[in-house]
Amino acid sequence: LNRPLPDGEEHPLFPDRAPHSAFSAIGHMGQYI
């Protein structure tokens, strides 16, 4: 989910640049839906 995390925690997406309602399937080495 493209939801914010507490400060200092690394996010696998980008909640600062896309709506928080967005979501993703993520695969090893950079596969994304």
ModelCIF file with pLDDT and N, C-alpha, C, O atoms, coordinates in Angstrom:
data_MODEL
#
_entry.id   MODEL 
#
_entity.id                         1 
_entity.type                       polymer 
_entity.pdbx_number_of_molecules   1 
#
_entity_poly.entity_id                      1 
_entity_poly.type                           'polypeptide(L)' 
_entity_poly.nstd_linkage                   no 
_entity_poly.nstd_monomer                   no 
_entity_poly.pdbx_seq_one_letter_code       LNRPLPDGEEHPLFPDRAPHSAFSAIGHMGQYI 
_entity_poly.pdbx_seq_one_letter_code_can   LNRPLPDGEEHPLFPDRAPHSAFSAIGHMGQYI 
_entity_poly.pdbx_strand_id                 A 
#
loop_
_entity_poly_seq.entity_id 
_entity_poly_seq.num 
_entity_poly_seq.mon_id 
_entity_poly_seq.hetero 
1 1  LEU n 
1 2  ASN n 
1 3  ARG n 
1 4  PRO n 
1 5  LEU n 
1 6  PRO n 
1 7  ASP n 
1 8  GLY n 
1 9  GLU n 
1 10 GLU n 
1 11 HIS n 
1 12 PRO n 
1 13 LEU n 
1 14 PHE n 
1 15 PRO n 
1 16 ASP n 
1 17 ARG n 
1 18 ALA n 
1 19 PRO n 
1 20 HIS n 
1 21 SER n 
1 22 ALA n 
1 23 PHE n 
1 24 SER n 
1 25 ALA n 
1 26 ILE n 
1 27 GLY n 
1 28 HIS n 
1 29 MET n 
1 30 GLY n 
1 31 GLN n 
1 32 TYR n 
1 33 ILE n 
#
_struct_asym.id          A 
_struct_asym.entity_id   1 
#
loop_
_ma_qa_metric.id 
_ma_qa_metric.mode 
_ma_qa_metric.name 
_ma_qa_metric.software_group_id 
_ma_qa_metric.type 
1 global pLDDT . pLDDT 
2 local  pLDDT . pLDDT 
#
_ma_qa_metric_global.metric_id      1 
_ma_qa_metric_global.metric_value   95.39 
_ma_qa_metric_global.model_id       1 
_ma_qa_metric_global.ordinal_id     1 
#
loop_
_ma_qa_metric_local.label_asym_id 
_ma_qa_metric_local.label_comp_id 
_ma_qa_metric_local.label_seq_id 
_ma_qa_metric_local.metric_id 
_ma_qa_metric_local.metric_value 
_ma_qa_metric_local.model_id 
_ma_qa_metric_local.ordinal_id 
A LEU 1  2 98.00 1 1  
A ASN 2  2 98.00 1 2  
A ARG 3  2 97.00 1 3  
A PRO 4  2 96.00 1 4  
A LEU 5  2 94.00 1 5  
A PRO 6  2 88.00 1 6  
A ASP 7  2 82.00 1 7  
A GLY 8  2 79.00 1 8  
A GLU 9  2 88.00 1 9  
A GLU 10 2 90.00 1 10 
A HIS 11 2 94.00 1 11 
A PRO 12 2 96.00 1 12 
A LEU 13 2 98.00 1 13 
A PHE 14 2 97.00 1 14 
A PRO 15 2 97.00 1 15 
A ASP 16 2 96.00 1 16 
A ARG 17 2 97.00 1 17 
A ALA 18 2 98.00 1 18 
A PRO 19 2 98.00 1 19 
A HIS 20 2 98.00 1 20 
A SER 21 2 98.00 1 21 
A ALA 22 2 98.00 1 22 
A PHE 23 2 98.00 1 23 
A SER 24 2 98.00 1 24 
A ALA 25 2 98.00 1 25 
A ILE 26 2 98.00 1 26 
A GLY 27 2 98.00 1 27 
A HIS 28 2 96.00 1 28 
A MET 29 2 96.00 1 29 
A GLY 30 2 97.00 1 30 
A GLN 31 2 98.00 1 31 
A TYR 32 2 98.00 1 32 
A ILE 33 2 98.00 1 33 
#
loop_
_atom_site.group_PDB 
_atom_site.id 
_atom_site.type_symbol 
_atom_site.label_atom_id 
_atom_site.label_alt_id 
_atom_site.label_comp_id 
_atom_site.label_asym_id 
_atom_site.label_entity_id 
_atom_site.label_seq_id 
_atom_site.pdbx_PDB_ins_code 
_atom_site.Cartn_x 
_atom_site.Cartn_y 
_atom_site.Cartn_z 
_atom_site.occupancy 
_atom_site.B_iso_or_equiv 
_atom_site.pdbx_formal_charge 
_atom_site.auth_seq_id 
_atom_site.auth_comp_id 
_atom_site.auth_asym_id 
_atom_site.auth_atom_id 
_atom_site.pdbx_PDB_model_num 
ATOM 1   N N  . LEU A 1 1  ? 0.837  -1.200 0.000   1.00 98.00 ? 1  LEU A N  1 
ATOM 2   C CA . LEU A 1 1  ? 0.000  0.000  0.000   1.00 98.00 ? 1  LEU A CA 1 
ATOM 3   C C  . LEU A 1 1  ? 0.871  1.249  0.000   1.00 98.00 ? 1  LEU A C  1 
ATOM 4   O O  . LEU A 1 1  ? 1.924  1.286  0.636   1.00 98.00 ? 1  LEU A O  1 
ATOM 5   N N  . ASN A 1 2  ? 0.422  2.264  -0.716  1.00 98.00 ? 2  ASN A N  1 
ATOM 6   C CA . ASN A 1 2  ? 1.175  3.516  -0.806  1.00 98.00 ? 2  ASN A CA 1 
ATOM 7   C C  . ASN A 1 2  ? 0.827  4.437  0.367   1.00 98.00 ? 2  ASN A C  1 
ATOM 8   O O  . ASN A 1 2  ? 0.586  5.631  0.187   1.00 98.00 ? 2  ASN A O  1 
ATOM 9   N N  . ARG A 1 3  ? 0.806  3.860  1.563   1.00 97.00 ? 3  ARG A N  1 
ATOM 10  C CA . ARG A 1 3  ? 0.483  4.605  2.785   1.00 97.00 ? 3  ARG A CA 1 
ATOM 11  C C  . ARG A 1 3  ? 1.771  5.028  3.485   1.00 97.00 ? 3  ARG A C  1 
ATOM 12  O O  . ARG A 1 3  ? 2.765  4.303  3.435   1.00 97.00 ? 3  ARG A O  1 
ATOM 13  N N  . PRO A 1 4  ? 1.769  6.181  4.132   1.00 96.00 ? 4  PRO A N  1 
ATOM 14  C CA . PRO A 1 4  ? 2.991  6.642  4.815   1.00 96.00 ? 4  PRO A CA 1 
ATOM 15  C C  . PRO A 1 4  ? 3.401  5.707  5.946   1.00 96.00 ? 4  PRO A C  1 
ATOM 16  O O  . PRO A 1 4  ? 2.572  5.039  6.564   1.00 96.00 ? 4  PRO A O  1 
ATOM 17  N N  . LEU A 1 5  ? 4.702  5.683  6.193   1.00 94.00 ? 5  LEU A N  1 
ATOM 18  C CA . LEU A 1 5  ? 5.279  4.951  7.319   1.00 94.00 ? 5  LEU A CA 1 
ATOM 19  C C  . LEU A 1 5  ? 5.825  5.952  8.328   1.00 94.00 ? 5  LEU A C  1 
ATOM 20  O O  . LEU A 1 5  ? 6.033  7.115  7.984   1.00 94.00 ? 5  LEU A O  1 
ATOM 21  N N  . PRO A 1 6  ? 6.060  5.531  9.554   1.00 88.00 ? 6  PRO A N  1 
ATOM 22  C CA . PRO A 1 6  ? 6.696  6.438  10.518  1.00 88.00 ? 6  PRO A CA 1 
ATOM 23  C C  . PRO A 1 6  ? 8.033  6.950  9.993   1.00 88.00 ? 6  PRO A C  1 
ATOM 24  O O  . PRO A 1 6  ? 8.703  6.276  9.211   1.00 88.00 ? 6  PRO A O  1 
ATOM 25  N N  . ASP A 1 7  ? 8.408  8.139  10.429  1.00 82.00 ? 7  ASP A N  1 
ATOM 26  C CA . ASP A 1 7  ? 9.654  8.756  9.979   1.00 82.00 ? 7  ASP A CA 1 
ATOM 27  C C  . ASP A 1 7  ? 10.830 7.813  10.191  1.00 82.00 ? 7  ASP A C  1 
ATOM 28  O O  . ASP A 1 7  ? 10.959 7.166  11.230  1.00 82.00 ? 7  ASP A O  1 
ATOM 29  N N  . GLY A 1 8  ? 11.684 7.756  9.171   1.00 79.00 ? 8  GLY A N  1 
ATOM 30  C CA . GLY A 1 8  ? 12.885 6.947  9.284   1.00 79.00 ? 8  GLY A CA 1 
ATOM 31  C C  . GLY A 1 8  ? 12.751 5.556  8.706   1.00 79.00 ? 8  GLY A C  1 
ATOM 32  O O  . GLY A 1 8  ? 13.760 4.892  8.472   1.00 79.00 ? 8  GLY A O  1 
ATOM 33  N N  . GLU A 1 9  ? 11.519 5.088  8.468   1.00 88.00 ? 9  GLU A N  1 
ATOM 34  C CA . GLU A 1 9  ? 11.326 3.761  7.892   1.00 88.00 ? 9  GLU A CA 1 
ATOM 35  C C  . GLU A 1 9  ? 11.277 3.857  6.368   1.00 88.00 ? 9  GLU A C  1 
ATOM 36  O O  . GLU A 1 9  ? 10.574 4.697  5.806   1.00 88.00 ? 9  GLU A O  1 
ATOM 37  N N  . GLU A 1 10 ? 12.032 2.990  5.720   1.00 90.00 ? 10 GLU A N  1 
ATOM 38  C CA . GLU A 1 10 ? 12.105 3.020  4.255   1.00 90.00 ? 10 GLU A CA 1 
ATOM 39  C C  . GLU A 1 10 ? 10.841 2.438  3.650   1.00 90.00 ? 10 GLU A C  1 
ATOM 40  O O  . GLU A 1 10 ? 10.351 1.406  4.109   1.00 90.00 ? 10 GLU A O  1 
ATOM 41  N N  . HIS A 1 11 ? 10.308 3.089  2.624   1.00 94.00 ? 11 HIS A N  1 
ATOM 42  C CA . HIS A 1 11 ? 9.074  2.665  1.973   1.00 94.00 ? 11 HIS A CA 1 
ATOM 43  C C  . HIS A 1 11 ? 9.388  2.050  0.616   1.00 94.00 ? 11 HIS A C  1 
ATOM 44  O O  . HIS A 1 11 ? 10.237 2.573  -0.107  1.00 94.00 ? 11 HIS A O  1 
ATOM 45  N N  . PRO A 1 12 ? 8.726  0.953  0.248   1.00 96.00 ? 12 PRO A N  1 
ATOM 46  C CA . PRO A 1 12 ? 8.988  0.353  -1.059  1.00 96.00 ? 12 PRO A CA 1 
ATOM 47  C C  . PRO A 1 12 ? 8.305  1.067  -2.214  1.00 96.00 ? 12 PRO A C  1 
ATOM 48  O O  . PRO A 1 12 ? 8.532  0.721  -3.373  1.00 96.00 ? 12 PRO A O  1 
ATOM 49  N N  . LEU A 1 13 ? 7.464  2.068  -1.912  1.00 98.00 ? 13 LEU A N  1 
ATOM 50  C CA . LEU A 1 13 ? 6.797  2.842  -2.955  1.00 98.00 ? 13 LEU A CA 1 
ATOM 51  C C  . LEU A 1 13 ? 7.134  4.324  -2.767  1.00 98.00 ? 13 LEU A C  1 
ATOM 52  O O  . LEU A 1 13 ? 8.265  4.654  -2.412  1.00 98.00 ? 13 LEU A O  1 
ATOM 53  N N  . PHE A 1 14 ? 6.180  5.211  -2.997  1.00 97.00 ? 14 PHE A N  1 
ATOM 54  C CA . PHE A 1 14 ? 6.457  6.652  -2.905  1.00 97.00 ? 14 PHE A CA 1 
ATOM 55  C C  . PHE A 1 14 ? 5.200  7.409  -2.475  1.00 97.00 ? 14 PHE A C  1 
ATOM 56  O O  . PHE A 1 14 ? 4.582  8.095  -3.289  1.00 97.00 ? 14 PHE A O  1 
ATOM 57  N N  . PRO A 1 15 ? 4.813  7.288  -1.188  1.00 97.00 ? 15 PRO A N  1 
ATOM 58  C CA . PRO A 1 15 ? 3.602  7.968  -0.711  1.00 97.00 ? 15 PRO A CA 1 
ATOM 59  C C  . PRO A 1 15 ? 3.689  9.480  -0.770  1.00 97.00 ? 15 PRO A C  1 
ATOM 60  O O  . PRO A 1 15 ? 2.667  10.163 -0.693  1.00 97.00 ? 15 PRO A O  1 
ATOM 61  N N  . ASP A 1 16 ? 4.901  10.015 -0.908  1.00 96.00 ? 16 ASP A N  1 
ATOM 62  C CA . ASP A 1 16 ? 5.052  11.466 -1.028  1.00 96.00 ? 16 ASP A CA 1 
ATOM 63  C C  . ASP A 1 16 ? 4.783  11.962 -2.446  1.00 96.00 ? 16 ASP A C  1 
ATOM 64  O O  . ASP A 1 16 ? 4.722  13.171 -2.673  1.00 96.00 ? 16 ASP A O  1 
ATOM 65  N N  . ARG A 1 17 ? 4.620  11.043 -3.407  1.00 97.00 ? 17 ARG A N  1 
ATOM 66  C CA . ARG A 1 17 ? 4.491  11.466 -4.800  1.00 97.00 ? 17 ARG A CA 1 
ATOM 67  C C  . ARG A 1 17 ? 3.276  10.886 -5.513  1.00 97.00 ? 17 ARG A C  1 
ATOM 68  O O  . ARG A 1 17 ? 3.077  11.152 -6.699  1.00 97.00 ? 17 ARG A O  1 
ATOM 69  N N  . ALA A 1 18 ? 2.478  10.117 -4.834  1.00 98.00 ? 18 ALA A N  1 
ATOM 70  C CA . ALA A 1 18 ? 1.287  9.530  -5.451  1.00 98.00 ? 18 ALA A CA 1 
ATOM 71  C C  . ALA A 1 18 ? 0.213  9.374  -4.388  1.00 98.00 ? 18 ALA A C  1 
ATOM 72  O O  . ALA A 1 18 ? 0.524  9.352  -3.197  1.00 98.00 ? 18 ALA A O  1 
ATOM 73  N N  . PRO A 1 19 ? -1.040 9.267  -4.795  1.00 98.00 ? 19 PRO A N  1 
ATOM 74  C CA . PRO A 1 19 ? -2.129 9.178  -3.810  1.00 98.00 ? 19 PRO A CA 1 
ATOM 75  C C  . PRO A 1 19 ? -1.944 8.014  -2.849  1.00 98.00 ? 19 PRO A C  1 
ATOM 76  O O  . PRO A 1 19 ? -1.429 6.959  -3.220  1.00 98.00 ? 19 PRO A O  1 
ATOM 77  N N  . HIS A 1 20 ? -2.368 8.220  -1.623  1.00 98.00 ? 20 HIS A N  1 
ATOM 78  C CA . HIS A 1 20 ? -2.241 7.169  -0.608  1.00 98.00 ? 20 HIS A CA 1 
ATOM 79  C C  . HIS A 1 20 ? -3.208 6.015  -0.864  1.00 98.00 ? 20 HIS A C  1 
ATOM 80  O O  . HIS A 1 20 ? -3.084 4.957  -0.247  1.00 98.00 ? 20 HIS A O  1 
ATOM 81  N N  . SER A 1 21 ? -4.159 6.207  -1.759  1.00 98.00 ? 21 SER A N  1 
ATOM 82  C CA . SER A 1 21 ? -5.077 5.119  -2.131  1.00 98.00 ? 21 SER A CA 1 
ATOM 83  C C  . SER A 1 21 ? -4.453 4.165  -3.140  1.00 98.00 ? 21 SER A C  1 
ATOM 84  O O  . SER A 1 21 ? -5.036 3.125  -3.449  1.00 98.00 ? 21 SER A O  1 
ATOM 85  N N  . ALA A 1 22 ? -3.277 4.502  -3.656  1.00 98.00 ? 22 ALA A N  1 
ATOM 86  C CA . ALA A 1 22 ? -2.603 3.650  -4.634  1.00 98.00 ? 22 ALA A CA 1 
ATOM 87  C C  . ALA A 1 22 ? -2.016 2.423  -3.946  1.00 98.00 ? 22 ALA A C  1 
ATOM 88  O O  . ALA A 1 22 ? -1.804 2.414  -2.733  1.00 98.00 ? 22 ALA A O  1 
ATOM 89  N N  . PHE A 1 23 ? -1.762 1.398  -4.735  1.00 98.00 ? 23 PHE A N  1 
ATOM 90  C CA . PHE A 1 23 ? -1.203 0.152  -4.193  1.00 98.00 ? 23 PHE A CA 1 
ATOM 91  C C  . PHE A 1 23 ? -0.429 -0.558 -5.295  1.00 98.00 ? 23 PHE A C  1 
ATOM 92  O O  . PHE A 1 23 ? -0.456 -0.145 -6.454  1.00 98.00 ? 23 PHE A O  1 
ATOM 93  N N  . SER A 1 24 ? 0.261  -1.630 -4.918  1.00 98.00 ? 24 SER A N  1 
ATOM 94  C CA . SER A 1 24 ? 1.145  -2.268 -5.894  1.00 98.00 ? 24 SER A CA 1 
ATOM 95  C C  . SER A 1 24 ? 1.401  -3.729 -5.575  1.00 98.00 ? 24 SER A C  1 
ATOM 96  O O  . SER A 1 24 ? 1.463  -4.129 -4.412  1.00 98.00 ? 24 SER A O  1 
ATOM 97  N N  . ALA A 1 25 ? 1.548  -4.515 -6.627  1.00 98.00 ? 25 ALA A N  1 
ATOM 98  C CA . ALA A 1 25 ? 2.200  -5.819 -6.538  1.00 98.00 ? 25 ALA A CA 1 
ATOM 99  C C  . ALA A 1 25 ? 3.658  -5.569 -6.893  1.00 98.00 ? 25 ALA A C  1 
ATOM 100 O O  . ALA A 1 25 ? 3.950  -4.918 -7.896  1.00 98.00 ? 25 ALA A O  1 
ATOM 101 N N  . ILE A 1 26 ? 4.574  -6.080 -6.077  1.00 98.00 ? 26 ILE A N  1 
ATOM 102 C CA . ILE A 1 26 ? 5.999  -5.808 -6.267  1.00 98.00 ? 26 ILE A CA 1 
ATOM 103 C C  . ILE A 1 26 ? 6.755  -7.120 -6.319  1.00 98.00 ? 26 ILE A C  1 
ATOM 104 O O  . ILE A 1 26 ? 6.538  -8.009 -5.495  1.00 98.00 ? 26 ILE A O  1 
ATOM 105 N N  . GLY A 1 27 ? 7.658  -7.236 -7.308  1.00 98.00 ? 27 GLY A N  1 
ATOM 106 C CA . GLY A 1 27 ? 8.476  -8.428 -7.433  1.00 98.00 ? 27 GLY A CA 1 
ATOM 107 C C  . GLY A 1 27 ? 9.960  -8.116 -7.387  1.00 98.00 ? 27 GLY A C  1 
ATOM 108 O O  . GLY A 1 27 ? 10.390 -6.999 -7.676  1.00 98.00 ? 27 GLY A O  1 
ATOM 109 N N  . HIS A 1 28 ? 10.724 -9.113 -7.021  1.00 96.00 ? 28 HIS A N  1 
ATOM 110 C CA . HIS A 1 28 ? 12.189 -9.055 -6.939  1.00 96.00 ? 28 HIS A CA 1 
ATOM 111 C C  . HIS A 1 28 ? 12.791 -8.395 -8.188  1.00 96.00 ? 28 HIS A C  1 
ATOM 112 O O  . HIS A 1 28 ? 12.319 -8.616 -9.303  1.00 96.00 ? 28 HIS A O  1 
ATOM 113 N N  . MET A 1 29 ? 13.815 -7.601 -7.992  1.00 96.00 ? 29 MET A N  1 
ATOM 114 C CA . MET A 1 29 ? 14.581 -6.953 -9.063  1.00 96.00 ? 29 MET A CA 1 
ATOM 115 C C  . MET A 1 29 ? 13.773 -5.943 -9.885  1.00 96.00 ? 29 MET A C  1 
ATOM 116 O O  . MET A 1 29 ? 14.134 -5.623 -11.018 1.00 96.00 ? 29 MET A O  1 
ATOM 117 N N  . GLY A 1 30 ? 12.680 -5.446 -9.304  1.00 97.00 ? 30 GLY A N  1 
ATOM 118 C CA . GLY A 1 30 ? 12.006 -4.313 -9.936  1.00 97.00 ? 30 GLY A CA 1 
ATOM 119 C C  . GLY A 1 30 ? 10.821 -4.623 -10.817 1.00 97.00 ? 30 GLY A C  1 
ATOM 120 O O  . GLY A 1 30 ? 10.617 -3.966 -11.838 1.00 97.00 ? 30 GLY A O  1 
ATOM 121 N N  . GLN A 1 31 ? 10.018 -5.637 -10.430 1.00 98.00 ? 31 GLN A N  1 
ATOM 122 C CA . GLN A 1 31 ? 8.763  -5.900 -11.146 1.00 98.00 ? 31 GLN A CA 1 
ATOM 123 C C  . GLN A 1 31 ? 7.647  -5.166 -10.396 1.00 98.00 ? 31 GLN A C  1 
ATOM 124 O O  . GLN A 1 31 ? 7.513  -5.305 -9.180  1.00 98.00 ? 31 GLN A O  1 
ATOM 125 N N  . TYR A 1 32 ? 6.851  -4.388 -11.127 1.00 98.00 ? 32 TYR A N  1 
ATOM 126 C CA . TYR A 1 32 ? 5.800  -3.586 -10.476 1.00 98.00 ? 32 TYR A CA 1 
ATOM 127 C C  . TYR A 1 32 ? 4.511  -3.597 -11.293 1.00 98.00 ? 32 TYR A C  1 
ATOM 128 O O  . TYR A 1 32 ? 4.519  -3.409 -12.510 1.00 98.00 ? 32 TYR A O  1 
ATOM 129 N N  . ILE A 1 33 ? 3.409  -3.821 -10.591 1.00 98.00 ? 33 ILE A N  1 
ATOM 130 C CA . ILE A 1 33 ? 2.084  -3.447 -11.101 1.00 98.00 ? 33 ILE A CA 1 
ATOM 131 C C  . ILE A 1 33 ? 1.590  -2.387 -10.137 1.00 98.00 ? 33 ILE A C  1 
ATOM 132 O O  . ILE A 1 33 ? 0.486  -1.868 -10.303 1.00 98.00 ? 33 ILE A O  1 
#
